[in-house]
């Protein structure tokens, strides 16, 4: 998805609506796949010598659950806001920005959402909540030992 800056002026913004192939994501990772097209609704506005691209992107990715190891859908809907400052090339390709905006919505550790009873919606397996820890993870002894370390100047 791209636009030609010379064809846009302050009075006539450019609306870009359509689908972008999931191939632009380059997601063939062991734990993430992009198979659905990306729906884009963008508005390109000229502000002085600069161009502001705003709007939204929407798709559904497939992620591998880190808990039950089953693929599950991960809907993504993200706002877009990019400023392109002058000078401009004859054409501006938005594809790398679309890719980045979508990939930034991926979780660090994907896990399907458990039901209220703690069961996995896919496998039906029950998962116990992790026990609460009280206080600091490091005891006072650890800090004492660290304070004895002398650094070389």
Protein backbone atom coordinates (compact mmCIF):
# COMPACT_ATOMS: atom_id res chain seq x y z
CA UNK A 1 0.00 0.00 0.00
CA UNK A 2 1.57 3.28 -1.08
CA UNK A 3 0.78 6.85 -2.08
CA UNK A 4 2.20 9.60 -4.25
CA UNK A 5 2.84 12.76 -2.19
CA UNK A 6 2.59 15.06 -5.22
CA UNK A 7 -1.10 14.14 -5.67
CA UNK A 8 -2.18 15.22 -2.16
CA UNK A 9 -2.81 18.77 -0.98
CA UNK A 10 -4.21 20.34 2.21
CA UNK A 11 -7.72 20.53 0.78
CA UNK A 12 -7.85 16.99 -0.63
CA UNK A 13 -6.67 14.24 1.75
CA UNK A 14 -6.27 10.72 0.40
CA UNK A 15 -8.34 7.83 1.76
CA UNK A 16 -6.72 4.41 1.51
CA UNK A 17 -9.07 1.49 2.17
CA UNK A 18 -8.48 -2.11 1.31
CA UNK A 19 -6.79 -5.37 2.11
CA UNK A 20 -3.08 -6.00 2.42
CA UNK A 21 -1.79 -9.54 1.99
CA UNK A 22 -0.69 -11.30 5.18
CA UNK A 23 2.54 -12.15 3.37
CA UNK A 24 3.84 -8.63 4.16
CA UNK A 25 4.08 -9.70 7.82
CA UNK A 26 6.63 -12.38 7.02
CA UNK A 27 5.22 -14.42 9.90
CA UNK A 28 6.24 -18.02 9.52
CA UNK A 29 7.51 -18.33 13.05
CA UNK A 30 7.23 -21.52 15.12
CA UNK A 31 4.74 -19.75 17.41
CA UNK A 32 3.01 -17.18 15.15
CA UNK A 33 1.40 -17.20 11.72
CA UNK A 34 -0.22 -14.54 9.62
CA UNK A 35 -2.77 -16.09 7.29
CA UNK A 36 -5.68 -13.61 7.21
CA UNK A 37 -5.44 -10.43 5.11
CA UNK A 38 -4.91 -7.12 6.89
CA UNK A 39 -7.84 -4.72 6.57
CA UNK A 40 -6.63 -1.14 6.36
CA UNK A 41 -8.50 2.13 6.59
CA UNK A 42 -6.05 5.02 6.38
CA UNK A 43 -6.23 8.75 5.78
CA UNK A 44 -3.25 10.66 4.37
CA UNK A 45 -3.32 14.39 5.12
CA UNK A 46 -0.86 17.05 4.05
CA UNK A 47 0.27 19.37 6.84
CA UNK A 48 2.65 21.97 5.45
CA UNK A 49 5.46 20.00 3.80
CA UNK A 50 4.75 16.88 5.87
CA UNK A 51 2.23 14.05 5.52
CA UNK A 52 0.29 12.52 8.41
CA UNK A 53 -1.09 8.99 7.98
CA UNK A 54 -3.78 7.99 10.50
CA UNK A 55 -6.36 5.23 10.71
CA UNK A 56 -6.52 1.62 11.77
CA UNK A 57 -5.43 -1.89 10.79
CA UNK A 58 -7.24 -5.11 11.59
CA UNK A 59 -6.42 -8.80 11.15
CA UNK A 60 -6.41 -12.10 12.99
CA UNK A 61 -3.16 -13.93 13.61
CA UNK A 62 -2.67 -17.54 14.72
CA UNK A 63 -0.53 -17.98 17.82
CA UNK A 64 0.73 -21.08 19.58
CA UNK A 65 -0.38 -21.14 23.20
CA UNK A 66 2.58 -21.26 25.56
CA UNK A 67 0.49 -23.18 28.08
CA UNK A 68 -1.37 -25.88 26.12
CA UNK A 69 0.64 -25.84 22.83
CA UNK A 70 -2.48 -25.46 20.66
CA UNK A 71 -2.96 -22.82 17.95
CA UNK A 72 -5.53 -20.16 18.74
CA UNK A 73 -6.75 -16.99 16.96
CA UNK A 74 -5.38 -13.61 18.10
CA UNK A 75 -7.50 -10.70 16.83
CA UNK A 76 -5.52 -7.50 16.24
CA UNK A 77 -6.95 -4.03 15.78
CA UNK A 78 -4.46 -1.21 16.04
CA UNK A 79 -4.41 2.53 15.53
CA UNK A 80 -2.02 3.96 12.95
CA UNK A 81 -0.28 7.31 13.18
CA UNK A 82 2.84 8.05 11.15
CA UNK A 83 4.35 11.40 10.21
CA UNK A 84 6.44 11.63 7.04
CA UNK A 85 8.60 14.72 7.10
CA UNK A 86 9.91 16.49 3.99
CA UNK A 87 11.74 15.93 1.71
CA UNK A 88 9.72 13.09 0.19
CA UNK A 89 10.47 10.52 -2.48
CA UNK A 90 8.14 10.33 -5.47
CA UNK A 91 6.21 7.53 -3.77
CA UNK A 92 5.87 6.42 -0.14
CA UNK A 93 5.42 2.72 0.60
CA UNK A 94 3.40 2.12 3.79
CA UNK A 95 3.98 -1.65 3.83
CA UNK A 96 6.91 -1.68 6.30
CA UNK A 97 4.94 0.56 8.68
CA UNK A 98 1.86 -1.67 8.42
CA UNK A 99 4.03 -4.70 9.19
CA UNK A 100 5.60 -3.01 12.22
CA UNK A 101 2.25 -1.79 13.59
CA UNK A 102 0.80 -5.32 13.46
CA UNK A 103 3.88 -7.07 14.87
CA UNK A 104 4.01 -4.66 17.81
CA UNK A 105 0.60 -6.03 18.86
CA UNK A 106 1.96 -9.55 19.38
CA UNK A 107 2.21 -10.63 23.02
CA UNK A 108 5.59 -11.64 24.44
CA UNK A 109 4.16 -14.92 25.71
CA UNK A 110 0.95 -15.97 23.99
CA UNK A 111 -1.58 -17.96 25.98
CA UNK A 112 -5.21 -18.70 25.30
CA UNK A 113 -7.63 -17.17 27.78
CA UNK A 114 -8.68 -19.61 30.51
CA UNK A 115 -12.31 -19.89 31.50
CA UNK A 116 -13.53 -18.69 34.89
CA UNK A 117 -13.00 -22.20 36.26
CA UNK A 118 -9.34 -22.26 35.10
CA UNK A 119 -9.97 -24.57 32.16
CA UNK A 120 -8.37 -24.21 28.74
CA UNK A 121 -11.07 -23.42 26.15
CA UNK A 122 -9.35 -25.64 23.57
CA UNK A 123 -8.12 -28.72 25.44
CA UNK A 124 -10.44 -28.55 28.48
CA UNK A 125 -7.45 -29.09 30.78
CA UNK A 126 -7.55 -27.42 34.21
CA UNK A 127 -4.68 -25.13 35.17
CA UNK A 128 -3.95 -24.20 38.77
CA UNK A 129 -3.18 -20.55 39.42
CA UNK A 130 0.40 -19.82 40.45
CA UNK A 131 0.88 -19.41 44.19
CA UNK A 132 1.22 -15.84 45.43
CA UNK A 133 4.64 -14.84 46.67
CA UNK A 134 4.91 -12.58 49.65
CA UNK A 135 7.57 -9.98 50.15
CA UNK A 136 10.71 -9.51 48.15
CA UNK A 137 12.02 -12.20 45.84
CA UNK A 138 15.51 -11.58 47.19
CA UNK A 139 16.10 -11.99 50.91
CA UNK A 140 18.19 -9.63 53.02
CA UNK A 141 21.07 -12.12 52.87
CA UNK A 142 21.40 -11.61 49.15
CA UNK A 143 21.63 -7.84 49.52
CA UNK A 144 24.18 -8.24 52.32
CA UNK A 145 26.40 -10.40 50.13
CA UNK A 146 26.10 -7.97 47.24
CA UNK A 147 27.06 -5.01 49.41
CA UNK A 148 30.33 -6.76 50.31
CA UNK A 149 31.45 -6.92 46.70
CA UNK A 150 34.13 -4.37 45.99
CA UNK A 151 34.52 -2.89 42.55
CA UNK A 152 37.82 -1.91 41.01
CA UNK A 153 38.11 1.76 40.16
